[in-house]
Every structure is written in structure tokens, then in C-alpha cells.
Amino acid sequence: MTAKELLYIEDALGHEQYFQTQCAEAMNTLQDGELKTCLQQMQQTHRQLFQQFLGLL
């Protein structure tokens, strides 16, 4: 893997972590259970994507 490809993966990892954090923060501010469930699913998706990118390393 080239240095540039590693940088792309690092960026992707950072983005996925950011999205997970944003979902968690939004869940803490919401009262609507349906929206919380949606955000939990989104957070799980980003957690899985993070793991997939990490697996490339």
C-alpha cells in the first residue's frame, strides 16, 4: 500500500469516527424515540465502516 493510500484510509477512519460522535451527540439531545433509533442505526453503520477501513490496515 502506498503512502497516499494510507493517508486516504486515515482520512476515512477520521470521518467515520466523527460521524459516530455526531450521531451520539445528536441522540443525547433528542426526545423522539424514532429519531433516536434512526441515529443509532446510522451510528452502527459508521462503526461498521470504521472497522472495515481499519481492516484494510
N, C-alpha and C. Protein backbone atom coordinates (compact mmCIF):
# COMPACT_ATOMS: atom_id res chain seq x y z
N MET A 1 0.85 -1.17 0.00
CA MET A 1 0.00 0.00 0.00
C MET A 1 0.90 1.24 0.00
N THR A 2 0.56 2.18 -0.83
CA THR A 2 1.38 3.39 -0.94
C THR A 2 1.07 4.34 0.23
N ALA A 3 1.95 5.30 0.41
CA ALA A 3 1.77 6.29 1.48
C ALA A 3 0.49 7.09 1.24
N LYS A 4 0.21 7.39 -0.01
CA LYS A 4 -1.00 8.16 -0.33
C LYS A 4 -2.26 7.36 0.00
N GLU A 5 -2.25 6.08 -0.30
CA GLU A 5 -3.39 5.23 0.02
C GLU A 5 -3.61 5.14 1.53
N LEU A 6 -2.52 5.07 2.29
CA LEU A 6 -2.63 5.06 3.75
C LEU A 6 -3.24 6.36 4.27
N LEU A 7 -2.88 7.46 3.65
CA LEU A 7 -3.45 8.75 4.05
C LEU A 7 -4.96 8.78 3.79
N TYR A 8 -5.37 8.21 2.67
CA TYR A 8 -6.80 8.15 2.36
C TYR A 8 -7.55 7.32 3.41
N ILE A 9 -6.96 6.22 3.81
CA ILE A 9 -7.59 5.37 4.82
C ILE A 9 -7.64 6.08 6.16
N GLU A 10 -6.57 6.77 6.52
CA GLU A 10 -6.55 7.54 7.76
C GLU A 10 -7.66 8.59 7.75
N ASP A 11 -7.81 9.27 6.62
CA ASP A 11 -8.88 10.27 6.50
C ASP A 11 -10.25 9.63 6.66
N ALA A 12 -10.44 8.49 6.01
CA ALA A 12 -11.72 7.80 6.09
C ALA A 12 -12.01 7.37 7.53
N LEU A 13 -10.99 6.89 8.23
CA LEU A 13 -11.16 6.50 9.63
C LEU A 13 -11.59 7.71 10.47
N GLY A 14 -10.95 8.82 10.24
CA GLY A 14 -11.29 10.04 10.98
C GLY A 14 -12.71 10.49 10.70
N HIS A 15 -13.14 10.39 9.46
CA HIS A 15 -14.50 10.79 9.10
C HIS A 15 -15.53 9.87 9.77
N GLU A 16 -15.25 8.59 9.76
CA GLU A 16 -16.18 7.64 10.37
C GLU A 16 -16.28 7.86 11.88
N GLN A 17 -15.16 8.14 12.53
CA GLN A 17 -15.19 8.45 13.95
C GLN A 17 -16.00 9.72 14.21
N TYR A 18 -15.80 10.71 13.37
CA TYR A 18 -16.53 11.97 13.51
C TYR A 18 -18.03 11.73 13.39
N PHE A 19 -18.45 10.94 12.39
CA PHE A 19 -19.87 10.67 12.19
C PHE A 19 -20.47 9.92 13.38
N GLN A 20 -19.70 8.98 13.93
CA GLN A 20 -20.17 8.25 15.11
C GLN A 20 -20.40 9.21 16.28
N THR A 21 -19.46 10.11 16.48
CA THR A 21 -19.56 11.09 17.56
C THR A 21 -20.75 12.02 17.36
N GLN A 22 -20.95 12.47 16.14
CA GLN A 22 -22.07 13.36 15.85
C GLN A 22 -23.40 12.66 16.09
N CYS A 23 -23.50 11.40 15.71
CA CYS A 23 -24.73 10.65 15.94
C CYS A 23 -24.99 10.53 17.45
N ALA A 24 -23.95 10.21 18.20
CA ALA A 24 -24.10 10.06 19.65
C ALA A 24 -24.53 11.37 20.30
N GLU A 25 -23.93 12.47 19.90
CA GLU A 25 -24.29 13.77 20.45
C GLU A 25 -25.73 14.14 20.11
N ALA A 26 -26.13 13.86 18.90
CA ALA A 26 -27.50 14.18 18.49
C ALA A 26 -28.51 13.32 19.25
N MET A 27 -28.17 12.05 19.48
CA MET A 27 -29.07 11.17 20.23
C MET A 27 -29.32 11.70 21.63
N ASN A 28 -28.29 12.30 22.23
CA ASN A 28 -28.42 12.83 23.59
C ASN A 28 -29.33 14.05 23.68
N THR A 29 -29.57 14.70 22.56
CA THR A 29 -30.38 15.91 22.59
C THR A 29 -31.83 15.67 22.14
N LEU A 30 -32.09 14.50 21.59
CA LEU A 30 -33.42 14.23 21.04
C LEU A 30 -34.34 13.58 22.06
N GLN A 31 -35.61 13.86 21.93
CA GLN A 31 -36.64 13.23 22.75
C GLN A 31 -37.40 12.17 21.94
N ASP A 32 -37.47 12.36 20.64
CA ASP A 32 -38.22 11.47 19.76
C ASP A 32 -37.53 10.11 19.64
N GLY A 33 -38.22 9.06 20.08
CA GLY A 33 -37.65 7.72 20.06
C GLY A 33 -37.35 7.21 18.66
N GLU A 34 -38.19 7.58 17.70
CA GLU A 34 -37.99 7.13 16.33
C GLU A 34 -36.72 7.72 15.73
N LEU A 35 -36.50 9.00 16.00
CA LEU A 35 -35.28 9.65 15.51
C LEU A 35 -34.05 9.08 16.20
N LYS A 36 -34.15 8.78 17.49
CA LYS A 36 -33.03 8.18 18.21
C LYS A 36 -32.67 6.83 17.61
N THR A 37 -33.69 6.04 17.28
CA THR A 37 -33.46 4.73 16.66
C THR A 37 -32.76 4.89 15.32
N CYS A 38 -33.20 5.86 14.55
CA CYS A 38 -32.56 6.13 13.25
C CYS A 38 -31.09 6.49 13.44
N LEU A 39 -30.81 7.34 14.42
CA LEU A 39 -29.42 7.74 14.68
C LEU A 39 -28.59 6.58 15.20
N GLN A 40 -29.19 5.71 15.99
CA GLN A 40 -28.47 4.54 16.47
C GLN A 40 -28.07 3.65 15.30
N GLN A 41 -28.96 3.50 14.35
CA GLN A 41 -28.67 2.70 13.16
C GLN A 41 -27.55 3.34 12.35
N MET A 42 -27.61 4.67 12.21
CA MET A 42 -26.57 5.38 11.47
C MET A 42 -25.22 5.23 12.19
N GLN A 43 -25.24 5.34 13.51
CA GLN A 43 -24.01 5.20 14.28
C GLN A 43 -23.43 3.80 14.09
N GLN A 44 -24.28 2.79 14.11
CA GLN A 44 -23.82 1.42 13.92
C GLN A 44 -23.22 1.24 12.52
N THR A 45 -23.85 1.83 11.53
CA THR A 45 -23.32 1.75 10.16
C THR A 45 -21.92 2.36 10.09
N HIS A 46 -21.74 3.52 10.72
CA HIS A 46 -20.43 4.17 10.70
C HIS A 46 -19.41 3.40 11.52
N ARG A 47 -19.86 2.72 12.57
CA ARG A 47 -18.96 1.87 13.35
C ARG A 47 -18.47 0.71 12.49
N GLN A 48 -19.38 0.12 11.72
CA GLN A 48 -19.01 -0.99 10.84
C GLN A 48 -18.07 -0.53 9.73
N LEU A 49 -18.34 0.63 9.17
CA LEU A 49 -17.46 1.17 8.14
C LEU A 49 -16.07 1.44 8.70
N PHE A 50 -16.02 1.97 9.92
CA PHE A 50 -14.74 2.21 10.59
C PHE A 50 -13.96 0.90 10.69
N GLN A 51 -14.63 -0.15 11.12
CA GLN A 51 -13.98 -1.45 11.27
C GLN A 51 -13.49 -1.99 9.93
N GLN A 52 -14.26 -1.77 8.88
CA GLN A 52 -13.86 -2.23 7.56
C GLN A 52 -12.61 -1.48 7.08
N PHE A 53 -12.59 -0.16 7.29
CA PHE A 53 -11.41 0.60 6.91
C PHE A 53 -10.20 0.18 7.75
N LEU A 54 -10.43 -0.05 9.02
CA LEU A 54 -9.35 -0.49 9.90
C LEU A 54 -8.80 -1.84 9.45
N GLY A 55 -9.68 -2.68 8.96
CA GLY A 55 -9.27 -3.99 8.46
C GLY A 55 -8.35 -3.90 7.25
N LEU A 56 -8.41 -2.80 6.52
CA LEU A 56 -7.52 -2.62 5.37
C LEU A 56 -6.09 -2.43 5.79
N LEU A 57 -5.90 -1.98 7.02
CA LEU A 57 -4.54 -1.76 7.52
C LEU A 57 -4.00 -3.06 8.01
